[in-house]
Amino acid sequence: MQNNTDTNTDFEVRSLDAMCVNSSEVETKWYSNLKYLIVGLAFGIVFVKAEIISWFRIQEMFRLQSFHMYGVIGSAIVVGIISVWLIKKFNIKTISGEAITFGKKTFNKGQIYGGLIFGFGWAITGACPGPLYAQLGTGATVIAITILSAVAGTWVYGYFREKLPN
């Protein structure tokens, strides 16, 4: 067992890299991840039934023709705010019993560039990363190109990360 100062130093070092900052320290069996598969499948079904994965709904949003997607996004923001507040107020732990911590975030110009690229990609393809697999699951096989592009973009970002304004 590490002492508290080693753990805090480890968190500080990991938070500088922003990858796996919130990863679990608990060792589990492979099949314990099945709960995430089940929740993901349920989430995908909700996306399909709510028409969140609909290219036409997304285009309506970007053309300011419908409130549907803004209502969904706004609802998600409200649920997120309430969830974070409840987690902090009642010191809620993970399923494994680990404490949930929220690190401080600092603003930088890379977030503007990344948000613009993300928004343009979302508007052009009619898909953000969340619904990509749900779209593929509904039989929209052309979305495989978008998935491959997203994976390639993630790889390119990882390769050039140190040289980018992040």
C-alpha atoms as a PDB file:
ATOM      1  CA  MET A   1       0.000   0.000   0.000  1.00  0.00           C
ATOM      2  CA  GLN A   2       1.369   3.394  -0.967  1.00  0.00           C
ATOM      3  CA  ASN A   3       1.337   6.303   1.403  1.00  0.00           C
ATOM      4  CA  ASN A   4      -0.925   9.273   0.679  1.00  0.00           C
ATOM      5  CA  THR A   5       1.810  11.567  -0.686  1.00  0.00           C
ATOM      6  CA  ASP A   6       2.861   8.986  -3.295  1.00  0.00           C
ATOM      7  CA  THR A   7      -0.740   8.616  -4.416  1.00  0.00           C
ATOM      8  CA  ASN A   8      -1.218  12.391  -4.719  1.00  0.00           C
ATOM      9  CA  THR A   9       2.024  12.723  -6.675  1.00  0.00           C
ATOM     10  CA  ASP A  10       0.935   9.878  -8.950  1.00  0.00           C
ATOM     11  CA  PHE A  11      -2.392  11.639  -9.578  1.00  0.00           C
ATOM     12  CA  GLU A  12      -0.631  14.929 -10.350  1.00  0.00           C
ATOM     13  CA  VAL A  13       1.714  13.252 -12.839  1.00  0.00           C
ATOM     14  CA  ARG A  14      -1.138  11.328 -14.477  1.00  0.00           C
ATOM     15  CA  SER A  15      -3.325  14.435 -14.655  1.00  0.00           C
ATOM     16  CA  LEU A  16      -0.658  16.221 -16.700  1.00  0.00           C
ATOM     17  CA  ASP A  17      -1.060  13.568 -19.391  1.00  0.00           C
ATOM     18  CA  ALA A  18      -4.884  13.584 -19.159  1.00  0.00           C
ATOM     19  CA  MET A  19      -5.038   9.933 -20.159  1.00  0.00           C
ATOM     20  CA  CYS A  20      -6.245   7.351 -17.626  1.00  0.00           C
ATOM     21  CA  VAL A  21      -6.481   9.908 -14.828  1.00  0.00           C
ATOM     22  CA  ASN A  22      -9.676   8.340 -13.575  1.00  0.00           C
ATOM     23  CA  SER A  23      -8.743   4.716 -14.181  1.00  0.00           C
ATOM     24  CA  SER A  24      -9.606   2.228 -11.487  1.00  0.00           C
ATOM     25  CA  GLU A  25      -6.898   0.814  -9.273  1.00  0.00           C
ATOM     26  CA  VAL A  26      -9.003  -2.276  -8.484  1.00  0.00           C
ATOM     27  CA  GLU A  27      -8.068  -5.512 -10.267  1.00  0.00           C
ATOM     28  CA  THR A  28     -11.141  -7.290 -11.666  1.00  0.00           C
ATOM     29  CA  LYS A  29     -11.899 -10.325 -13.794  1.00  0.00           C
ATOM     30  CA  TRP A  30     -12.550  -9.813 -17.516  1.00  0.00           C
ATOM     31  CA  TYR A  31     -16.230 -10.694 -17.222  1.00  0.00           C
ATOM     32  CA  SER A  32     -16.836  -7.817 -14.781  1.00  0.00           C
ATOM     33  CA  ASN A  33     -16.741  -5.566 -17.870  1.00  0.00           C
ATOM     34  CA  LEU A  34     -19.921  -7.198 -19.193  1.00  0.00           C
ATOM     35  CA  LYS A  35     -21.941  -4.702 -17.143  1.00  0.00           C
ATOM     36  CA  TYR A  36     -20.508  -1.934 -19.348  1.00  0.00           C
ATOM     37  CA  LEU A  37     -21.493  -3.851 -22.477  1.00  0.00           C
ATOM     38  CA  ILE A  38     -25.060  -4.186 -21.192  1.00  0.00           C
ATOM     39  CA  VAL A  39     -25.291  -0.487 -20.273  1.00  0.00           C
ATOM     40  CA  GLY A  40     -23.768   0.432 -23.652  1.00  0.00           C
ATOM     41  CA  LEU A  41     -26.321  -1.674 -25.511  1.00  0.00           C
ATOM     42  CA  ALA A  42     -29.162  -0.111 -23.524  1.00  0.00           C
ATOM     43  CA  PHE A  43     -27.717   3.344 -24.185  1.00  0.00           C
ATOM     44  CA  GLY A  44     -27.550   2.558 -27.913  1.00  0.00           C
ATOM     45  CA  ILE A  45     -31.186   1.455 -27.922  1.00  0.00           C
ATOM     46  CA  VAL A  46     -32.178   4.719 -26.221  1.00  0.00           C
ATOM     47  CA  PHE A  47     -30.173   6.652 -28.845  1.00  0.00           C
ATOM     48  CA  VAL A  48     -32.025   4.856 -31.645  1.00  0.00           C
ATOM     49  CA  LYS A  49     -35.489   5.227 -30.104  1.00  0.00           C
ATOM     50  CA  ALA A  50     -34.946   8.926 -29.295  1.00  0.00           C
ATOM     51  CA  GLU A  51     -33.687   9.534 -32.854  1.00  0.00           C
ATOM     52  CA  ILE A  52     -30.435  10.942 -31.488  1.00  0.00           C
ATOM     53  CA  ILE A  53     -28.507   8.992 -34.108  1.00  0.00           C
ATOM     54  CA  SER A  54     -30.623  10.317 -36.960  1.00  0.00           C
ATOM     55  CA  TRP A  55     -28.565  12.230 -39.502  1.00  0.00           C
ATOM     56  CA  PHE A  56     -31.663  14.275 -40.317  1.00  0.00           C
ATOM     57  CA  ARG A  57     -32.163  15.271 -36.648  1.00  0.00           C
ATOM     58  CA  ILE A  58     -28.541  16.369 -36.398  1.00  0.00           C
ATOM     59  CA  GLN A  59     -28.804  18.386 -39.609  1.00  0.00           C
ATOM     60  CA  GLU A  60     -32.007  20.015 -38.277  1.00  0.00           C
ATOM     61  CA  MET A  61     -30.070  21.041 -35.196  1.00  0.00           C
ATOM     62  CA  PHE A  62     -27.203  22.612 -37.135  1.00  0.00           C
ATOM     63  CA  ARG A  63     -29.689  24.423 -39.404  1.00  0.00           C
ATOM     64  CA  LEU A  64     -31.604  25.695 -36.328  1.00  0.00           C
ATOM     65  CA  GLN A  65     -34.785  24.063 -37.655  1.00  0.00           C
ATOM     66  CA  SER A  66     -35.710  21.931 -34.639  1.00  0.00           C
ATOM     67  CA  PHE A  67     -35.391  21.998 -30.859  1.00  0.00           C
ATOM     68  CA  HIS A  68     -35.212  18.176 -30.545  1.00  0.00           C
ATOM     69  CA  MET A  69     -31.417  17.794 -30.268  1.00  0.00           C
ATOM     70  CA  TYR A  70     -31.018  20.955 -28.178  1.00  0.00           C
ATOM     71  CA  GLY A  71     -33.559  19.505 -25.753  1.00  0.00           C
ATOM     72  CA  VAL A  72     -31.648  16.224 -25.567  1.00  0.00           C
ATOM     73  CA  ILE A  73     -28.296  17.971 -25.070  1.00  0.00           C
ATOM     74  CA  GLY A  74     -29.785  20.399 -22.540  1.00  0.00           C
ATOM     75  CA  SER A  75     -31.354  17.520 -20.605  1.00  0.00           C
ATOM     76  CA  ALA A  76     -27.999  15.728 -20.546  1.00  0.00           C
ATOM     77  CA  ILE A  77     -26.290  18.855 -19.185  1.00  0.00           C
ATOM     78  CA  VAL A  78     -28.890  19.223 -16.429  1.00  0.00           C
ATOM     79  CA  VAL A  79     -28.598  15.525 -15.507  1.00  0.00           C
ATOM     80  CA  GLY A  80     -24.790  15.867 -15.470  1.00  0.00           C
ATOM     81  CA  ILE A  81     -24.884  18.933 -13.217  1.00  0.00           C
ATOM     82  CA  ILE A  82     -27.254  17.239 -10.781  1.00  0.00           C
ATOM     83  CA  SER A  83     -25.198  14.017 -10.833  1.00  0.00           C
ATOM     84  CA  VAL A  84     -21.910  15.799 -10.080  1.00  0.00           C
ATOM     85  CA  TRP A  85     -23.595  17.793  -7.318  1.00  0.00           C
ATOM     86  CA  LEU A  86     -24.997  14.592  -5.752  1.00  0.00           C
ATOM     87  CA  ILE A  87     -21.654  12.786  -6.031  1.00  0.00           C
ATOM     88  CA  LYS A  88     -19.877  15.665  -4.275  1.00  0.00           C
ATOM     89  CA  LYS A  89     -22.585  16.286  -1.656  1.00  0.00           C
ATOM     90  CA  PHE A  90     -23.003  12.662  -0.576  1.00  0.00           C
ATOM     91  CA  ASN A  91     -19.426  11.516  -1.288  1.00  0.00           C
ATOM     92  CA  ILE A  92     -20.725   8.746  -3.545  1.00  0.00           C
ATOM     93  CA  LYS A  93     -18.225   6.010  -4.390  1.00  0.00           C
ATOM     94  CA  THR A  94     -17.821   3.836  -7.490  1.00  0.00           C
ATOM     95  CA  ILE A  95     -19.266   0.334  -7.685  1.00  0.00           C
ATOM     96  CA  SER A  96     -15.849  -0.906  -6.550  1.00  0.00           C
ATOM     97  CA  GLY A  97     -15.918   1.403  -3.522  1.00  0.00           C
ATOM     98  CA  GLU A  98     -13.321   3.870  -4.816  1.00  0.00           C
ATOM     99  CA  ALA A  99     -13.675   7.598  -4.172  1.00  0.00           C
ATOM    100  CA  ILE A 100     -14.736   9.758  -7.122  1.00  0.00           C
ATOM    101  CA  THR A 101     -12.541  12.812  -7.527  1.00  0.00           C
ATOM    102  CA  PHE A 102     -12.898  15.816  -9.804  1.00  0.00           C
ATOM    103  CA  GLY A 103      -9.638  17.451 -10.873  1.00  0.00           C
ATOM    104  CA  LYS A 104      -9.277  21.123 -11.683  1.00  0.00           C
ATOM    105  CA  LYS A 105      -9.279  21.968 -15.378  1.00  0.00           C
ATOM    106  CA  THR A 106      -7.529  24.949 -16.896  1.00  0.00           C
ATOM    107  CA  PHE A 107      -8.646  26.631 -20.085  1.00  0.00           C
ATOM    108  CA  ASN A 108      -6.351  26.753 -23.118  1.00  0.00           C
ATOM    109  CA  LYS A 109      -6.726  27.634 -26.785  1.00  0.00           C
ATOM    110  CA  GLY A 110      -6.442  24.009 -27.892  1.00  0.00           C
ATOM    111  CA  GLN A 111      -9.944  23.455 -26.521  1.00  0.00           C
ATOM    112  CA  ILE A 112     -11.301  26.032 -28.980  1.00  0.00           C
ATOM    113  CA  TYR A 113      -9.528  24.396 -31.929  1.00  0.00           C
ATOM    114  CA  GLY A 114     -10.612  20.927 -30.848  1.00  0.00           C
ATOM    115  CA  GLY A 115     -14.210  22.039 -30.321  1.00  0.00           C
ATOM    116  CA  LEU A 116     -14.328  23.609 -33.775  1.00  0.00           C
ATOM    117  CA  ILE A 117     -12.884  20.512 -35.447  1.00  0.00           C
ATOM    118  CA  PHE A 118     -15.297  18.314 -33.484  1.00  0.00           C
ATOM    119  CA  GLY A 119     -18.269  20.519 -34.423  1.00  0.00           C
ATOM    120  CA  PHE A 120     -17.340  20.632 -38.101  1.00  0.00           C
ATOM    121  CA  GLY A 121     -16.926  16.862 -38.178  1.00  0.00           C
ATOM    122  CA  TRP A 122     -20.249  16.409 -36.417  1.00  0.00           C
ATOM    123  CA  ALA A 123     -22.019  18.723 -38.875  1.00  0.00           C
ATOM    124  CA  ILE A 124     -20.425  17.126 -41.950  1.00  0.00           C
ATOM    125  CA  THR A 125     -20.921  13.479 -40.977  1.00  0.00           C
ATOM    126  CA  GLY A 126     -24.122  13.829 -38.973  1.00  0.00           C
ATOM    127  CA  ALA A 127     -22.574  11.865 -36.126  1.00  0.00           C
ATOM    128  CA  CYS A 128     -20.686  12.550 -32.935  1.00  0.00           C
ATOM    129  CA  PRO A 129     -18.602   9.760 -31.342  1.00  0.00           C
ATOM    130  CA  GLY A 130     -21.367   8.520 -29.014  1.00  0.00           C
ATOM    131  CA  PRO A 131     -23.876   7.343 -31.622  1.00  0.00           C
ATOM    132  CA  LEU A 132     -21.386   6.030 -34.207  1.00  0.00           C
ATOM    133  CA  TYR A 133     -21.662   2.422 -33.095  1.00  0.00           C
ATOM    134  CA  ALA A 134     -25.437   2.680 -32.650  1.00  0.00           C
ATOM    135  CA  GLN A 135     -25.674   3.935 -36.234  1.00  0.00           C
ATOM    136  CA  LEU A 136     -23.548   1.019 -37.402  1.00  0.00           C
ATOM    137  CA  GLY A 137     -25.752  -1.330 -35.375  1.00  0.00           C
ATOM    138  CA  THR A 138     -28.873  -0.085 -37.149  1.00  0.00           C
ATOM    139  CA  GLY A 139     -27.397  -1.135 -40.483  1.00  0.00           C
ATOM    140  CA  ALA A 140     -25.976   2.196 -41.644  1.00  0.00           C
ATOM    141  CA  THR A 141     -22.772   0.512 -42.806  1.00  0.00           C
ATOM    142  CA  VAL A 142     -21.490   3.691 -44.490  1.00  0.00           C
ATOM    143  CA  ILE A 143     -20.818   5.007 -40.971  1.00  0.00           C
ATOM    144  CA  ALA A 144     -17.863   2.595 -40.858  1.00  0.00           C
ATOM    145  CA  ILE A 145     -15.972   5.233 -42.859  1.00  0.00           C
ATOM    146  CA  THR A 146     -16.721   7.792 -40.142  1.00  0.00           C
ATOM    147  CA  ILE A 147     -15.595   5.324 -37.443  1.00  0.00           C
ATOM    148  CA  LEU A 148     -12.344   4.660 -39.303  1.00  0.00           C
ATOM    149  CA  SER A 149     -11.854   8.411 -39.747  1.00  0.00           C
ATOM    150  CA  ALA A 150     -12.444   8.991 -36.024  1.00  0.00           C
ATOM    151  CA  VAL A 151      -9.905   6.291 -35.144  1.00  0.00           C
ATOM    152  CA  ALA A 152      -7.406   7.747 -37.642  1.00  0.00           C
ATOM    153  CA  GLY A 153      -7.973  11.252 -36.249  1.00  0.00           C
ATOM    154  CA  THR A 154      -7.403   9.994 -32.715  1.00  0.00           C
ATOM    155  CA  TRP A 155      -4.186   8.298 -33.815  1.00  0.00           C
ATOM    156  CA  VAL A 156      -2.978  11.454 -35.606  1.00  0.00           C
ATOM    157  CA  TYR A 157      -3.750  13.537 -32.530  1.00  0.00           C
ATOM    158  CA  GLY A 158      -1.854  11.103 -30.310  1.00  0.00           C
ATOM    159  CA  TYR A 159       1.114  11.138 -32.680  1.00  0.00           C
ATOM    160  CA  PHE A 160       1.324  14.951 -32.876  1.00  0.00           C
ATOM    161  CA  ARG A 161       0.006  15.683 -29.370  1.00  0.00           C
ATOM    162  CA  GLU A 162       3.227  17.149 -28.001  1.00  0.00           C
ATOM    163  CA  LYS A 163       3.477  19.623 -30.887  1.00  0.00           C
ATOM    164  CA  LEU A 164      -0.159  20.803 -30.708  1.00  0.00           C
ATOM    165  CA  PRO A 165      -1.553  23.689 -28.617  1.00  0.00           C
ATOM    166  CA  ASN A 166      -3.262  21.610 -25.964  1.00  0.00           C
END
